[in-house]
Amino acid sequence: MGNQRRLGLAAREQHVFVDETKRRGYLLVASVVIPGEVDALRRTLRGLVLPGQRRLHRKDENDRTRRSIATAISASAVTAIATTLEGRCGRPPGPLGRGLH
């Protein structure tokens, strides 16, 4: 039980950002950032938003900005976990895929 408590505490001390794409199969990525790094990373990424833009989104950016985003994230204390899932109609198998269209 002690390990579960420590894991629960560690999970509460982190920020997790999740995104998915169904472009070529199904890819799910979770990025974990410790709280002390979140504000600095947000400031860095906000600095890449161009005048007139509301937000960054990789699919909408040119190659130069994509490289800048990747460089900023890789220079930070981010841990990313990526997984691919295969299922019918581009949906992940099992309970995760139910209701996703």
N, C-alpha and C. Protein backbone atom coordinates (compact mmCIF):
# COMPACT_ATOMS: atom_id res chain seq x y z
N MET A 1 0.82 -1.19 0.00
CA MET A 1 0.00 0.00 0.00
C MET A 1 0.86 1.26 0.00
N GLY A 2 2.05 1.20 0.59
CA GLY A 2 2.93 2.35 0.65
C GLY A 2 3.33 2.83 -0.74
N ASN A 3 3.63 1.89 -1.66
CA ASN A 3 3.98 2.27 -3.03
C ASN A 3 2.83 2.96 -3.73
N GLN A 4 1.60 2.48 -3.51
CA GLN A 4 0.44 3.11 -4.14
C GLN A 4 0.25 4.53 -3.63
N ARG A 5 0.47 4.75 -2.36
CA ARG A 5 0.36 6.10 -1.81
C ARG A 5 1.40 7.02 -2.42
N ARG A 6 2.63 6.54 -2.52
CA ARG A 6 3.70 7.35 -3.12
C ARG A 6 3.38 7.65 -4.58
N LEU A 7 2.89 6.66 -5.31
CA LEU A 7 2.54 6.88 -6.71
C LEU A 7 1.40 7.88 -6.84
N GLY A 8 0.40 7.79 -5.98
CA GLY A 8 -0.70 8.73 -6.00
C GLY A 8 -0.23 10.14 -5.72
N LEU A 9 0.66 10.31 -4.76
CA LEU A 9 1.20 11.62 -4.44
C LEU A 9 2.01 12.16 -5.61
N ALA A 10 2.83 11.32 -6.21
CA ALA A 10 3.63 11.76 -7.35
C ALA A 10 2.74 12.19 -8.50
N ALA A 11 1.65 11.46 -8.74
CA ALA A 11 0.74 11.81 -9.83
C ALA A 11 0.09 13.16 -9.58
N ARG A 12 -0.24 13.47 -8.33
CA ARG A 12 -0.87 14.76 -8.02
C ARG A 12 0.11 15.91 -8.15
N GLU A 13 1.39 15.64 -8.11
CA GLU A 13 2.41 16.68 -8.18
C GLU A 13 2.84 16.97 -9.61
N GLN A 14 2.20 16.36 -10.58
CA GLN A 14 2.58 16.53 -11.97
C GLN A 14 1.41 17.04 -12.79
N HIS A 15 1.74 17.67 -13.91
CA HIS A 15 0.72 18.10 -14.86
C HIS A 15 0.85 17.18 -16.07
N VAL A 16 -0.28 16.66 -16.54
CA VAL A 16 -0.28 15.76 -17.68
C VAL A 16 -1.12 16.38 -18.78
N PHE A 17 -0.53 16.48 -19.96
CA PHE A 17 -1.21 17.01 -21.14
C PHE A 17 -1.33 15.86 -22.13
N VAL A 18 -2.53 15.65 -22.66
CA VAL A 18 -2.78 14.50 -23.54
C VAL A 18 -3.30 15.01 -24.87
N ASP A 19 -2.83 14.40 -25.96
CA ASP A 19 -3.33 14.71 -27.29
C ASP A 19 -3.36 13.43 -28.10
N GLU A 20 -4.15 13.46 -29.15
CA GLU A 20 -4.29 12.29 -30.00
C GLU A 20 -4.35 12.71 -31.46
N THR A 21 -4.02 11.77 -32.32
CA THR A 21 -4.22 11.97 -33.75
C THR A 21 -4.70 10.66 -34.34
N LYS A 22 -5.55 10.77 -35.34
CA LYS A 22 -6.04 9.59 -36.06
C LYS A 22 -5.61 9.64 -37.51
N ARG A 23 -4.61 10.47 -37.79
CA ARG A 23 -4.18 10.68 -39.19
C ARG A 23 -3.67 9.40 -39.83
N ARG A 24 -2.78 8.71 -39.19
CA ARG A 24 -2.26 7.43 -39.70
C ARG A 24 -2.37 6.40 -38.58
N GLY A 25 -3.56 5.86 -38.40
CA GLY A 25 -3.81 4.99 -37.26
C GLY A 25 -4.24 5.84 -36.08
N TYR A 26 -3.99 5.39 -34.89
CA TYR A 26 -4.37 6.12 -33.69
C TYR A 26 -3.14 6.27 -32.82
N LEU A 27 -2.74 7.51 -32.56
CA LEU A 27 -1.57 7.80 -31.74
C LEU A 27 -2.03 8.64 -30.56
N LEU A 28 -1.69 8.20 -29.37
CA LEU A 28 -2.03 8.91 -28.15
C LEU A 28 -0.73 9.27 -27.44
N VAL A 29 -0.57 10.54 -27.09
CA VAL A 29 0.64 11.00 -26.42
C VAL A 29 0.26 11.70 -25.13
N ALA A 30 0.91 11.33 -24.05
CA ALA A 30 0.75 12.00 -22.76
C ALA A 30 2.09 12.61 -22.39
N SER A 31 2.10 13.90 -22.11
CA SER A 31 3.31 14.60 -21.71
C SER A 31 3.18 14.97 -20.24
N VAL A 32 4.18 14.63 -19.46
CA VAL A 32 4.16 14.86 -18.03
C VAL A 32 5.17 15.96 -17.70
N VAL A 33 4.69 16.99 -16.98
CA VAL A 33 5.53 18.12 -16.61
C VAL A 33 5.42 18.33 -15.10
N ILE A 34 6.57 18.46 -14.43
CA ILE A 34 6.52 18.73 -13.00
C ILE A 34 6.09 20.18 -12.78
N PRO A 35 5.37 20.45 -11.69
CA PRO A 35 4.80 21.78 -11.48
C PRO A 35 5.80 22.92 -11.58
N GLY A 36 7.00 22.75 -11.10
CA GLY A 36 7.98 23.82 -11.14
C GLY A 36 8.40 24.23 -12.54
N GLU A 37 8.11 23.40 -13.52
CA GLU A 37 8.49 23.66 -14.91
C GLU A 37 7.33 24.15 -15.76
N VAL A 38 6.10 24.00 -15.28
CA VAL A 38 4.92 24.31 -16.10
C VAL A 38 4.87 25.78 -16.51
N ASP A 39 5.04 26.69 -15.55
CA ASP A 39 4.94 28.11 -15.88
C ASP A 39 6.01 28.55 -16.88
N ALA A 40 7.24 28.09 -16.68
CA ALA A 40 8.33 28.45 -17.60
C ALA A 40 8.05 27.91 -19.00
N LEU A 41 7.58 26.68 -19.09
CA LEU A 41 7.28 26.09 -20.40
C LEU A 41 6.12 26.83 -21.07
N ARG A 42 5.10 27.17 -20.32
CA ARG A 42 3.98 27.93 -20.89
C ARG A 42 4.45 29.29 -21.41
N ARG A 43 5.29 29.98 -20.65
CA ARG A 43 5.82 31.28 -21.11
C ARG A 43 6.61 31.12 -22.40
N THR A 44 7.44 30.10 -22.45
CA THR A 44 8.24 29.86 -23.66
C THR A 44 7.35 29.60 -24.86
N LEU A 45 6.36 28.73 -24.69
CA LEU A 45 5.48 28.39 -25.82
C LEU A 45 4.59 29.57 -26.21
N ARG A 46 4.13 30.34 -25.23
CA ARG A 46 3.34 31.54 -25.56
C ARG A 46 4.16 32.54 -26.35
N GLY A 47 5.46 32.57 -26.10
CA GLY A 47 6.34 33.46 -26.85
C GLY A 47 6.43 33.10 -28.33
N LEU A 48 6.03 31.89 -28.69
CA LEU A 48 6.05 31.45 -30.09
C LEU A 48 4.75 31.77 -30.83
N VAL A 49 3.73 32.21 -30.09
CA VAL A 49 2.45 32.56 -30.71
C VAL A 49 2.63 33.89 -31.45
N LEU A 50 2.30 33.89 -32.72
CA LEU A 50 2.46 35.08 -33.55
C LEU A 50 1.32 36.06 -33.34
N PRO A 51 1.55 37.34 -33.64
CA PRO A 51 0.47 38.33 -33.53
C PRO A 51 -0.73 37.87 -34.37
N GLY A 52 -1.92 37.95 -33.77
CA GLY A 52 -3.13 37.52 -34.46
C GLY A 52 -3.50 36.08 -34.20
N GLN A 53 -2.55 35.28 -33.68
CA GLN A 53 -2.83 33.89 -33.34
C GLN A 53 -3.39 33.82 -31.93
N ARG A 54 -4.29 32.90 -31.70
CA ARG A 54 -4.82 32.68 -30.35
C ARG A 54 -4.03 31.62 -29.60
N ARG A 55 -3.48 30.66 -30.36
CA ARG A 55 -2.78 29.53 -29.73
C ARG A 55 -1.85 28.87 -30.73
N LEU A 56 -1.02 27.99 -30.22
CA LEU A 56 -0.18 27.16 -31.06
C LEU A 56 -0.87 25.83 -31.30
N HIS A 57 -0.78 25.34 -32.50
CA HIS A 57 -1.20 23.97 -32.79
C HIS A 57 -0.32 23.48 -33.91
N ARG A 58 0.40 22.41 -33.66
CA ARG A 58 1.43 21.94 -34.58
C ARG A 58 0.93 21.82 -36.01
N LYS A 59 -0.28 21.34 -36.19
CA LYS A 59 -0.78 21.12 -37.55
C LYS A 59 -0.96 22.42 -38.33
N ASP A 60 -1.09 23.55 -37.61
CA ASP A 60 -1.31 24.84 -38.26
C ASP A 60 -0.03 25.63 -38.48
N GLU A 61 1.10 25.13 -38.00
CA GLU A 61 2.34 25.91 -38.00
C GLU A 61 3.23 25.56 -39.19
N ASN A 62 4.09 26.50 -39.55
CA ASN A 62 5.08 26.24 -40.60
C ASN A 62 6.23 25.43 -40.00
N ASP A 63 7.12 24.94 -40.86
CA ASP A 63 8.21 24.08 -40.41
C ASP A 63 9.11 24.77 -39.38
N ARG A 64 9.39 26.04 -39.57
CA ARG A 64 10.27 26.77 -38.65
C ARG A 64 9.65 26.82 -37.25
N THR A 65 8.36 27.13 -37.18
CA THR A 65 7.69 27.18 -35.88
C THR A 65 7.58 25.80 -35.26
N ARG A 66 7.34 24.78 -36.07
CA ARG A 66 7.29 23.40 -35.56
C ARG A 66 8.62 23.03 -34.92
N ARG A 67 9.71 23.40 -35.59
CA ARG A 67 11.04 23.11 -35.02
C ARG A 67 11.23 23.88 -33.70
N SER A 68 10.78 25.12 -33.64
CA SER A 68 10.90 25.92 -32.42
C SER A 68 10.10 25.30 -31.28
N ILE A 69 8.91 24.82 -31.59
CA ILE A 69 8.08 24.16 -30.58
C ILE A 69 8.80 22.91 -30.06
N ALA A 70 9.29 22.09 -30.98
CA ALA A 70 9.99 20.85 -30.59
C ALA A 70 11.23 21.16 -29.76
N THR A 71 11.97 22.19 -30.14
CA THR A 71 13.18 22.57 -29.40
C THR A 71 12.82 23.03 -28.00
N ALA A 72 11.78 23.85 -27.87
CA ALA A 72 11.37 24.35 -26.55
C ALA A 72 10.94 23.21 -25.64
N ILE A 73 10.18 22.28 -26.18
CA ILE A 73 9.71 21.16 -25.37
C ILE A 73 10.86 20.23 -25.00
N SER A 74 11.74 19.94 -25.95
CA SER A 74 12.84 19.02 -25.66
C SER A 74 13.85 19.63 -24.68
N ALA A 75 13.94 20.97 -24.62
CA ALA A 75 14.85 21.62 -23.68
C ALA A 75 14.26 21.71 -22.28
N SER A 76 12.99 21.39 -22.13
CA SER A 76 12.33 21.47 -20.83
C SER A 76 12.35 20.11 -20.15
N ALA A 77 11.80 20.08 -18.95
CA ALA A 77 11.75 18.83 -18.18
C ALA A 77 10.44 18.10 -18.46
N VAL A 78 10.20 17.76 -19.71
CA VAL A 78 8.97 17.06 -20.11
C VAL A 78 9.31 15.59 -20.36
N THR A 79 8.46 14.72 -19.84
CA THR A 79 8.54 13.31 -20.16
C THR A 79 7.31 12.98 -20.98
N ALA A 80 7.50 12.36 -22.12
CA ALA A 80 6.37 12.03 -22.99
C ALA A 80 6.24 10.52 -23.12
N ILE A 81 5.01 10.07 -23.12
CA ILE A 81 4.69 8.66 -23.33
C ILE A 81 3.77 8.60 -24.53
N ALA A 82 4.16 7.84 -25.54
CA ALA A 82 3.35 7.73 -26.75
C ALA A 82 2.99 6.27 -26.96
N THR A 83 1.77 6.05 -27.45
CA THR A 83 1.35 4.70 -27.77
C THR A 83 0.49 4.72 -29.02
N THR A 84 0.60 3.69 -29.80
CA THR A 84 -0.28 3.53 -30.96
C THR A 84 -1.24 2.41 -30.65
N LEU A 85 -2.46 2.57 -31.08
CA LEU A 85 -3.49 1.58 -30.87
C LEU A 85 -4.10 1.23 -32.21
N GLU A 86 -4.38 -0.02 -32.42
CA GLU A 86 -4.99 -0.43 -33.67
C GLU A 86 -6.41 -0.91 -33.40
N GLY A 87 -7.32 -0.48 -34.22
CA GLY A 87 -8.71 -0.90 -34.08
C GLY A 87 -9.45 -0.66 -35.38
N ARG A 88 -10.70 -1.06 -35.43
CA ARG A 88 -11.51 -0.86 -36.63
C ARG A 88 -11.83 0.61 -36.82
N CYS A 89 -11.93 1.04 -38.04
CA CYS A 89 -12.38 2.39 -38.40
C CYS A 89 -11.53 3.47 -37.76
N GLY A 90 -10.27 3.21 -37.49
CA GLY A 90 -9.41 4.23 -36.92
C GLY A 90 -9.68 4.52 -35.46
N ARG A 91 -10.54 3.72 -34.83
CA ARG A 91 -10.83 3.92 -33.41
C ARG A 91 -10.01 2.96 -32.59
N PRO A 92 -9.60 3.38 -31.41
CA PRO A 92 -8.85 2.46 -30.55
C PRO A 92 -9.74 1.30 -30.10
N PRO A 93 -9.16 0.15 -29.83
CA PRO A 93 -9.95 -0.99 -29.41
C PRO A 93 -10.41 -0.85 -27.96
N GLY A 94 -11.42 -1.59 -27.60
CA GLY A 94 -11.85 -1.68 -26.22
C GLY A 94 -12.58 -0.45 -25.73
N PRO A 95 -12.70 -0.33 -24.39
CA PRO A 95 -13.49 0.74 -23.78
C PRO A 95 -13.05 2.14 -24.18
N LEU A 96 -11.75 2.36 -24.41
CA LEU A 96 -11.26 3.68 -24.79
C LEU A 96 -11.86 4.12 -26.11
N GLY A 97 -12.13 3.18 -27.01
CA GLY A 97 -12.64 3.52 -28.32
C GLY A 97 -14.15 3.72 -28.40
N ARG A 98 -14.86 3.30 -27.39
CA ARG A 98 -16.32 3.44 -27.42
C ARG A 98 -16.72 4.90 -27.35
N GLY A 99 -17.54 5.31 -28.29
CA GLY A 99 -18.03 6.68 -28.28
C GLY A 99 -17.11 7.66 -28.96
N LEU A 100 -15.94 7.23 -29.40
CA LEU A 100 -15.03 8.12 -30.11
C LEU A 100 -15.29 8.03 -31.59
N HIS A 101 -15.50 9.13 -32.24
CA HIS A 101 -15.74 9.13 -33.69
C HIS A 101 -14.92 10.20 -34.34
